[in-house]
Amino acid sequence: MKKVKYYYNTHTLRYEKLEVPLRVRLLQLIGFIAASIVTGLLIFVITFRYIDSPKEKYLRQQNEDLVANYSVFMERLKQLELKMDEIENRDNNVYRSIFEAKPVPDSARVKDIEQKNEVQLVKSMGESDLVKSIADQLNNIALRSAYQMKSFDEIANLVKNKEKLIAATPSIQPVSNKNLNRIASGFGYRIDPIYKDRRLHQGLDFSAPIGTPIYATADGKVVDAGFNTGGYGNRVVINHGFGYETLYGHMVRIKARVGEMVKRGEVIGYVGNSGKSTAPHCHYEVHKRGIAVDPIYYFYNDLNAEQFDRILKLAATSNQSFD
C-alpha cells in the first residue's frame, strides 16, 4: 500500500497532503539513474583494475611459469650449443683426421646455414623478444645439425673407402732391406754430390746393386715411366689417389708402363745408376697433395718399433746424397 505523506501548513494551520510535482519526480529519477551509472562505472573500474578475471589469472600464471622456466630452457639451449661445438670439433679434428680428409672450415658452415631457411614454423609463434630469441637459437641449432648430418654422410663415404685408402697409402720400402743397411741418404738438406752445396733432398736414397727389384709401395696407376732429363734418369711415378704420389728414380730398366694399374709389392723396375747419380741406388719420394714429405714415416707395414727407430736414426744422418 502506497504511503501518503502529509506536511503541516503554517498558513492554514492544518496538515495537508504532500504532492510532488512531476518535474521534481523526473529530476529525482534522472539523478538516481545517473548516480547508479557512476557507481557502476566505479565498481567496474575498481574490479577490472585490481581484481583479475579468470582468463587474466590464467594468462598471468602462464606468463609467470614461462618466465620461471626461461632460465632452465636457455640453459638447455646452451648445453645443446656446446654439444654441437664438440661434435663439429670432433668432426674436423678426429673423424676427418682419421681418413686424412680436409676439415670443414667454419666459413663453409656459416655460408651453408645462411643459404637455408629451415625451421621457419618456429618463428611464426610471435614477435616478442622472448619468443624471437628462442626461435633464432632453435633455428641456428637445427641448421647446424642439418649441416653436420651432411658432413657425417661424407665421413660415412670415407669409411666405405677406408680399405681403398689403406691400399693406396705408401707403407713399405721400395727395395728389400731386411738388414736395414741400405738407406744411404735421408730426406732434408744434404750435400749435393755434383755441385757440393747444401740442397733439399726430397726423398730417400736406397743403395743396392744394379738390377735389384724396385717395388710399388702402394696400389695405384702409373702416370710416368721413362727417362727424365731433370736428373732422375729412368723413373716411374705412380698416382695412388687420395692425394698420394710416389716417385722412383735412377732405374737401369723400367718394367711398369704408363696407364698400368699396379699393386703394392709389384715390381715396377730395377735399381740402376741413370741420370744425375753417383752410385747405383733407388731414389724414392712420397708426395702428399703435391708436397714432398719424408718417406721414412711410410714404412709401417714392414717395420716394428725397434726397426723403425734404427732406420730413423740412419736417415737423419747428415751426409752427401747419391743424386
Protein backbone atom coordinates (compact mmCIF):
# COMPACT_ATOMS: atom_id res chain seq x y z
CA MET A 1 0.00 0.00 0.00
CA LYS A 2 1.44 3.35 -1.07
CA LYS A 3 2.31 5.60 1.83
CA VAL A 4 0.67 9.05 1.85
CA LYS A 5 2.83 11.86 3.15
CA TYR A 6 1.49 14.99 4.84
CA TYR A 7 3.04 18.28 5.84
CA TYR A 8 1.93 20.99 8.27
CA ASN A 9 0.85 24.14 6.51
CA THR A 10 1.63 27.11 8.74
CA HIS A 11 -0.65 29.34 6.79
CA THR A 12 -3.75 27.20 7.15
CA LEU A 13 -2.63 25.69 10.46
CA ARG A 14 -3.54 22.27 9.30
CA TYR A 15 -1.94 19.09 7.88
CA GLU A 16 -2.19 18.84 4.16
CA LYS A 17 -1.35 16.03 1.72
CA LEU A 18 2.13 16.31 0.18
CA GLU A 19 2.12 16.17 -3.59
CA VAL A 20 5.46 16.15 -5.51
CA PRO A 21 5.36 17.89 -8.89
CA LEU A 22 6.06 15.81 -11.98
CA ARG A 23 9.13 17.92 -12.85
CA VAL A 24 10.66 17.17 -9.48
CA ARG A 25 9.95 13.48 -9.82
CA LEU A 26 11.65 13.40 -13.24
CA LEU A 27 14.69 15.15 -11.85
CA GLN A 28 14.84 12.69 -8.97
CA LEU A 29 14.60 9.78 -11.40
CA ILE A 30 17.33 11.19 -13.64
CA GLY A 31 19.55 11.81 -10.64
CA PHE A 32 19.04 8.26 -9.39
CA ILE A 33 19.88 6.81 -12.80
CA ALA A 34 22.98 8.99 -13.12
CA ALA A 35 24.18 8.03 -9.66
CA SER A 36 23.63 4.36 -10.47
CA ILE A 37 25.65 4.64 -13.69
CA VAL A 38 28.52 6.42 -11.98
CA THR A 39 28.55 3.92 -9.14
CA GLY A 40 28.53 1.03 -11.63
CA LEU A 41 31.42 2.51 -13.58
CA LEU A 42 33.45 2.98 -10.42
CA ILE A 43 32.78 -0.61 -9.39
CA PHE A 44 33.73 -1.82 -12.91
CA VAL A 45 36.98 0.16 -12.97
CA ILE A 46 38.00 -0.95 -9.50
CA THR A 47 37.09 -4.56 -10.21
CA PHE A 48 38.99 -4.88 -13.50
CA ARG A 49 41.94 -2.78 -12.42
CA TYR A 50 42.73 -4.51 -9.17
CA ILE A 51 40.91 -7.83 -9.47
CA ASP A 52 41.86 -10.26 -12.30
CA SER A 53 39.29 -12.04 -14.35
CA PRO A 54 39.60 -15.85 -14.57
CA LYS A 55 41.17 -15.53 -18.02
CA GLU A 56 43.63 -12.90 -16.83
CA LYS A 57 44.52 -15.04 -13.84
CA TYR A 58 45.25 -17.94 -16.20
CA LEU A 59 47.36 -15.81 -18.55
CA ARG A 60 49.23 -14.24 -15.65
CA GLN A 61 50.02 -17.65 -14.19
CA GLN A 62 51.07 -18.89 -17.60
CA ASN A 63 53.39 -15.91 -18.04
CA GLU A 64 54.91 -16.45 -14.60
CA ASP A 65 55.54 -20.11 -15.45
CA LEU A 66 57.16 -19.09 -18.74
CA VAL A 67 59.47 -16.61 -17.05
CA ALA A 68 60.34 -19.14 -14.35
CA ASN A 69 61.18 -21.82 -16.93
CA TYR A 70 63.00 -19.48 -19.31
CA SER A 71 66.32 -19.73 -17.49
CA VAL A 72 66.05 -23.53 -17.47
CA PHE A 73 65.19 -23.53 -21.16
CA MET A 74 68.11 -21.23 -22.02
CA GLU A 75 70.46 -23.47 -20.05
CA ARG A 76 69.33 -26.46 -22.12
CA LEU A 77 69.89 -24.45 -25.31
CA LYS A 78 73.37 -23.56 -24.10
CA GLN A 79 74.11 -27.24 -23.46
CA LEU A 80 72.90 -28.12 -26.96
CA GLU A 81 75.12 -25.45 -28.48
CA LEU A 82 78.12 -26.74 -26.53
CA LYS A 83 77.32 -30.26 -27.73
CA MET A 84 77.15 -29.05 -31.31
CA ASP A 85 80.51 -27.29 -30.87
CA GLU A 86 82.00 -30.55 -29.58
CA ILE A 87 80.55 -32.57 -32.46
CA GLU A 88 81.85 -30.08 -35.04
CA ASN A 89 85.27 -30.08 -33.39
CA ARG A 90 85.41 -33.89 -33.35
CA ASP A 91 84.24 -33.93 -36.97
CA ASN A 92 87.15 -31.72 -38.04
CA ASN A 93 89.92 -32.85 -35.69
CA VAL A 94 89.13 -36.54 -35.12
CA TYR A 95 86.88 -38.16 -37.71
CA ARG A 96 88.28 -36.35 -40.75
CA SER A 97 91.84 -36.68 -39.45
CA ILE A 98 91.44 -40.45 -39.30
CA PHE A 99 90.58 -40.50 -43.01
CA GLU A 100 93.02 -37.68 -43.85
CA ALA A 101 90.20 -35.52 -45.18
CA LYS A 102 90.29 -31.76 -45.11
CA PRO A 103 88.36 -30.24 -42.17
CA VAL A 104 85.22 -28.24 -42.91
CA PRO A 105 86.06 -24.53 -42.36
CA ASP A 106 83.74 -22.52 -40.13
CA SER A 107 83.10 -20.13 -43.03
CA ALA A 108 81.63 -23.00 -45.07
CA ARG A 109 79.31 -23.97 -42.21
CA VAL A 110 78.14 -20.36 -41.78
CA LYS A 111 77.63 -19.92 -45.53
CA ASP A 112 75.60 -23.11 -45.72
CA ILE A 113 73.45 -22.02 -42.77
CA GLU A 114 72.82 -18.59 -44.30
CA GLN A 115 71.65 -20.15 -47.56
CA LYS A 116 69.00 -22.31 -45.88
CA ASN A 117 65.61 -21.26 -44.49
CA GLU A 118 64.61 -24.26 -42.43
CA VAL A 119 62.50 -24.37 -39.26
CA GLN A 120 60.53 -21.24 -40.22
CA LEU A 121 57.49 -22.62 -38.41
CA VAL A 122 59.04 -21.79 -35.07
CA LYS A 123 59.26 -18.10 -35.95
CA SER A 124 55.51 -17.87 -36.55
CA MET A 125 54.94 -18.23 -32.79
CA GLY A 126 55.12 -14.47 -32.19
CA GLU A 127 57.25 -11.35 -32.30
CA SER A 128 58.04 -10.87 -28.64
CA ASP A 129 61.72 -10.68 -27.73
CA LEU A 130 61.46 -13.87 -25.70
CA VAL A 131 59.92 -15.95 -28.45
CA LYS A 132 62.18 -14.44 -31.14
CA SER A 133 65.29 -15.19 -29.08
CA ILE A 134 64.27 -18.80 -28.56
CA ALA A 135 63.21 -19.22 -32.18
CA ASP A 136 66.50 -17.84 -33.52
CA GLN A 137 68.57 -20.18 -31.35
CA LEU A 138 66.45 -23.20 -32.22
CA ASN A 139 66.75 -22.31 -35.88
CA ASN A 140 70.54 -21.99 -35.61
CA ILE A 141 70.92 -25.34 -33.84
CA ALA A 142 68.62 -27.05 -36.36
CA LEU A 143 70.65 -25.69 -39.29
CA ARG A 144 73.94 -26.69 -37.69
CA SER A 145 72.55 -30.17 -37.07
CA ALA A 146 71.41 -30.46 -40.69
CA TYR A 147 74.84 -29.40 -41.96
CA GLN A 148 76.55 -31.78 -39.55
CA MET A 149 74.44 -34.66 -40.84
CA LYS A 150 75.65 -33.85 -44.35
CA SER A 151 79.23 -33.89 -43.06
CA PHE A 152 78.66 -37.27 -41.40
CA ASP A 153 77.32 -38.60 -44.71
CA GLU A 154 80.64 -37.61 -46.27
CA ILE A 155 82.51 -39.36 -43.46
CA ALA A 156 80.35 -42.45 -44.00
CA ASN A 157 81.56 -42.49 -47.61
CA LEU A 158 85.13 -42.15 -46.34
CA VAL A 159 84.56 -45.19 -44.13
CA LYS A 160 83.44 -47.15 -47.18
CA ASN A 161 86.64 -46.07 -48.96
CA LYS A 162 88.87 -46.80 -45.97
CA GLU A 163 90.05 -50.09 -47.44
CA LYS A 164 90.95 -48.33 -50.68
CA LEU A 165 92.72 -45.60 -48.70
CA ILE A 166 94.82 -48.15 -46.83
CA ALA A 167 95.76 -49.86 -50.08
CA ALA A 168 96.65 -46.50 -51.63
CA THR A 169 98.83 -45.31 -48.75
CA PRO A 170 102.59 -45.95 -49.23
CA SER A 171 103.62 -48.28 -46.42
CA ILE A 172 106.62 -50.41 -47.44
CA GLN A 173 110.21 -49.79 -48.54
CA PRO A 174 110.75 -49.71 -52.30
CA VAL A 175 113.63 -52.20 -52.17
CA SER A 176 114.26 -55.23 -50.00
CA ASN A 177 116.02 -54.01 -46.87
CA LYS A 178 115.86 -56.76 -44.27
CA ASN A 179 119.18 -55.78 -42.69
CA LEU A 180 118.22 -52.09 -42.62
CA ASN A 181 121.55 -51.10 -44.11
CA ARG A 182 120.53 -49.73 -47.50
CA ILE A 183 119.47 -46.19 -46.62
CA ALA A 184 122.37 -44.10 -47.88
CA SER A 185 120.86 -40.63 -47.57
CA GLY A 186 117.75 -39.26 -45.90
CA PHE A 187 115.14 -36.57 -46.52
CA GLY A 188 116.17 -32.93 -45.96
CA TYR A 189 119.11 -30.70 -46.75
CA ARG A 190 122.15 -32.70 -47.86
CA ILE A 191 125.44 -32.08 -49.68
CA ASP A 192 124.83 -32.36 -53.41
CA PRO A 193 127.33 -34.90 -54.92
CA ILE A 194 127.79 -32.83 -58.09
CA TYR A 195 127.56 -29.20 -57.01
CA LYS A 196 128.92 -29.76 -53.48
CA ASP A 197 126.47 -27.33 -51.84
CA ARG A 198 123.55 -27.94 -49.45
CA ARG A 199 120.32 -28.62 -51.30
CA LEU A 200 116.96 -30.03 -50.37
CA HIS A 201 116.93 -33.78 -50.90
CA GLN A 202 113.25 -34.60 -51.38
CA GLY A 203 113.46 -38.33 -50.83
CA LEU A 204 115.46 -41.29 -49.57
CA ASP A 205 118.38 -42.97 -51.35
CA PHE A 206 118.46 -46.78 -51.09
CA SER A 207 121.85 -48.16 -52.15
CA ALA A 208 121.63 -51.54 -53.88
CA PRO A 209 123.36 -53.48 -56.67
CA ILE A 210 122.28 -52.76 -60.21
CA GLY A 211 119.33 -54.95 -61.14
CA THR A 212 117.83 -55.11 -57.63
CA PRO A 213 114.00 -55.16 -57.94
CA ILE A 214 112.11 -51.98 -57.05
CA TYR A 215 108.59 -52.42 -55.67
CA ALA A 216 105.50 -50.24 -55.80
CA THR A 217 104.87 -49.16 -52.21
CA ALA A 218 101.07 -48.92 -52.64
CA ASP A 219 98.32 -49.63 -55.15
CA GLY A 220 97.98 -47.06 -57.89
CA LYS A 221 98.20 -46.05 -61.52
CA VAL A 222 101.48 -45.46 -63.33
CA VAL A 223 101.38 -41.89 -64.67
CA ASP A 224 105.00 -41.60 -65.83
CA ALA A 225 107.52 -44.24 -66.87
CA GLY A 226 110.56 -43.17 -68.87
CA PHE A 227 113.75 -41.14 -68.93
CA ASN A 228 113.65 -37.83 -67.09
CA THR A 229 116.01 -35.02 -68.11
CA GLY A 230 115.67 -33.31 -64.72
CA GLY A 231 118.20 -35.65 -63.10
CA TYR A 232 116.05 -38.65 -62.11
CA GLY A 233 117.15 -40.69 -65.10
CA ASN A 234 114.84 -43.63 -65.73
CA ARG A 235 111.99 -43.04 -63.33
CA VAL A 236 108.48 -44.23 -62.53
CA VAL A 237 105.74 -42.06 -60.98
CA ILE A 238 102.64 -43.70 -59.51
CA ASN A 239 99.45 -41.87 -58.60
CA HIS A 240 97.81 -43.73 -55.71
CA GLY A 241 94.80 -41.46 -55.28
CA PHE A 242 93.74 -39.80 -52.03
CA GLY A 243 96.44 -37.19 -52.64
CA TYR A 244 99.36 -39.68 -52.65
CA GLU A 245 102.01 -39.99 -55.34
CA THR A 246 105.37 -41.80 -55.28
CA LEU A 247 108.47 -41.44 -57.43
CA TYR A 248 111.24 -44.00 -58.10
CA GLY A 249 114.39 -42.75 -59.85
CA HIS A 250 117.70 -43.80 -61.44
CA MET A 251 116.49 -47.21 -62.68
CA VAL A 252 118.57 -49.29 -65.03
CA ARG A 253 115.41 -50.69 -66.56
CA ILE A 254 111.71 -49.83 -66.23
CA LYS A 255 109.17 -52.64 -66.08
CA ALA A 256 105.95 -50.65 -65.49
CA ARG A 257 104.09 -48.92 -68.31
CA VAL A 258 102.15 -45.65 -68.31
CA GLY A 259 98.45 -46.26 -67.56
CA GLU A 260 99.12 -49.61 -65.90
CA MET A 261 97.46 -50.36 -62.56
CA VAL A 262 99.94 -51.81 -60.07
CA LYS A 263 99.59 -53.39 -56.63
CA ARG A 264 101.69 -52.87 -53.53
CA GLY A 265 104.77 -55.12 -53.71
CA GLU A 266 104.65 -55.44 -57.51
CA VAL A 267 107.98 -54.99 -59.32
CA ILE A 268 107.98 -51.78 -61.38
CA GLY A 269 111.67 -51.59 -62.30
CA TYR A 270 115.25 -52.30 -61.30
CA VAL A 271 117.94 -50.35 -59.46
CA GLY A 272 120.37 -48.52 -61.69
CA ASN A 273 122.64 -45.50 -61.98
CA SER A 274 120.92 -43.44 -64.67
CA GLY A 275 120.51 -39.66 -64.57
CA LYS A 276 122.29 -37.44 -62.03
CA SER A 277 123.60 -40.26 -59.87
CA THR A 278 126.99 -41.07 -58.39
CA ALA A 279 126.31 -44.73 -57.48
CA PRO A 280 123.68 -47.42 -58.08
CA HIS A 281 120.67 -46.67 -55.90
CA CYS A 282 116.91 -46.10 -55.87
CA HIS A 283 115.84 -42.53 -55.17
CA TYR A 284 112.38 -42.71 -53.58
CA GLU A 285 109.95 -39.83 -52.95
CA VAL A 286 106.48 -39.59 -51.41
CA HIS A 287 104.25 -36.66 -52.31
CA LYS A 288 101.09 -35.81 -50.40
CA ARG A 289 98.77 -33.37 -52.15
CA GLY A 290 101.66 -32.20 -54.30
CA ILE A 291 104.14 -31.65 -51.45
CA ALA A 292 107.18 -33.85 -50.88
CA VAL A 293 107.11 -35.46 -47.42
CA ASP A 294 109.63 -37.60 -45.58
CA PRO A 295 109.16 -41.21 -46.82
CA ILE A 296 110.61 -42.55 -43.56
CA TYR A 297 107.16 -42.24 -41.98
CA TYR A 298 105.59 -44.51 -44.59
CA PHE A 299 107.27 -47.82 -43.79
CA TYR A 300 104.94 -49.01 -41.04
CA ASN A 301 103.86 -52.18 -42.84
CA ASP A 302 107.25 -53.90 -42.79
CA LEU A 303 108.98 -52.45 -39.70
CA ASN A 304 108.46 -52.95 -35.99
CA ALA A 305 109.09 -50.18 -33.46
CA GLU A 306 112.72 -51.11 -32.85
CA GLN A 307 113.50 -51.34 -36.57
CA PHE A 308 111.77 -48.05 -37.27
CA ASP A 309 113.82 -46.33 -34.56
CA ARG A 310 117.01 -47.68 -36.09
CA ILE A 311 116.14 -46.68 -39.65
CA LEU A 312 115.02 -43.26 -38.43
CA LYS A 313 118.48 -42.61 -36.98
CA LEU A 314 120.16 -43.78 -40.19
CA ALA A 315 118.04 -41.48 -42.32
CA ALA A 316 118.70 -38.50 -40.02
CA THR A 317 122.46 -38.71 -40.56
CA SER A 318 123.70 -35.58 -42.30
CA ASN A 319 125.77 -36.72 -45.28
CA GLN A 320 126.13 -36.45 -49.02
CA SER A 321 123.26 -37.67 -51.15
CA PHE A 322 123.70 -40.00 -54.12
CA ASP A 323 121.91 -37.67 -56.52
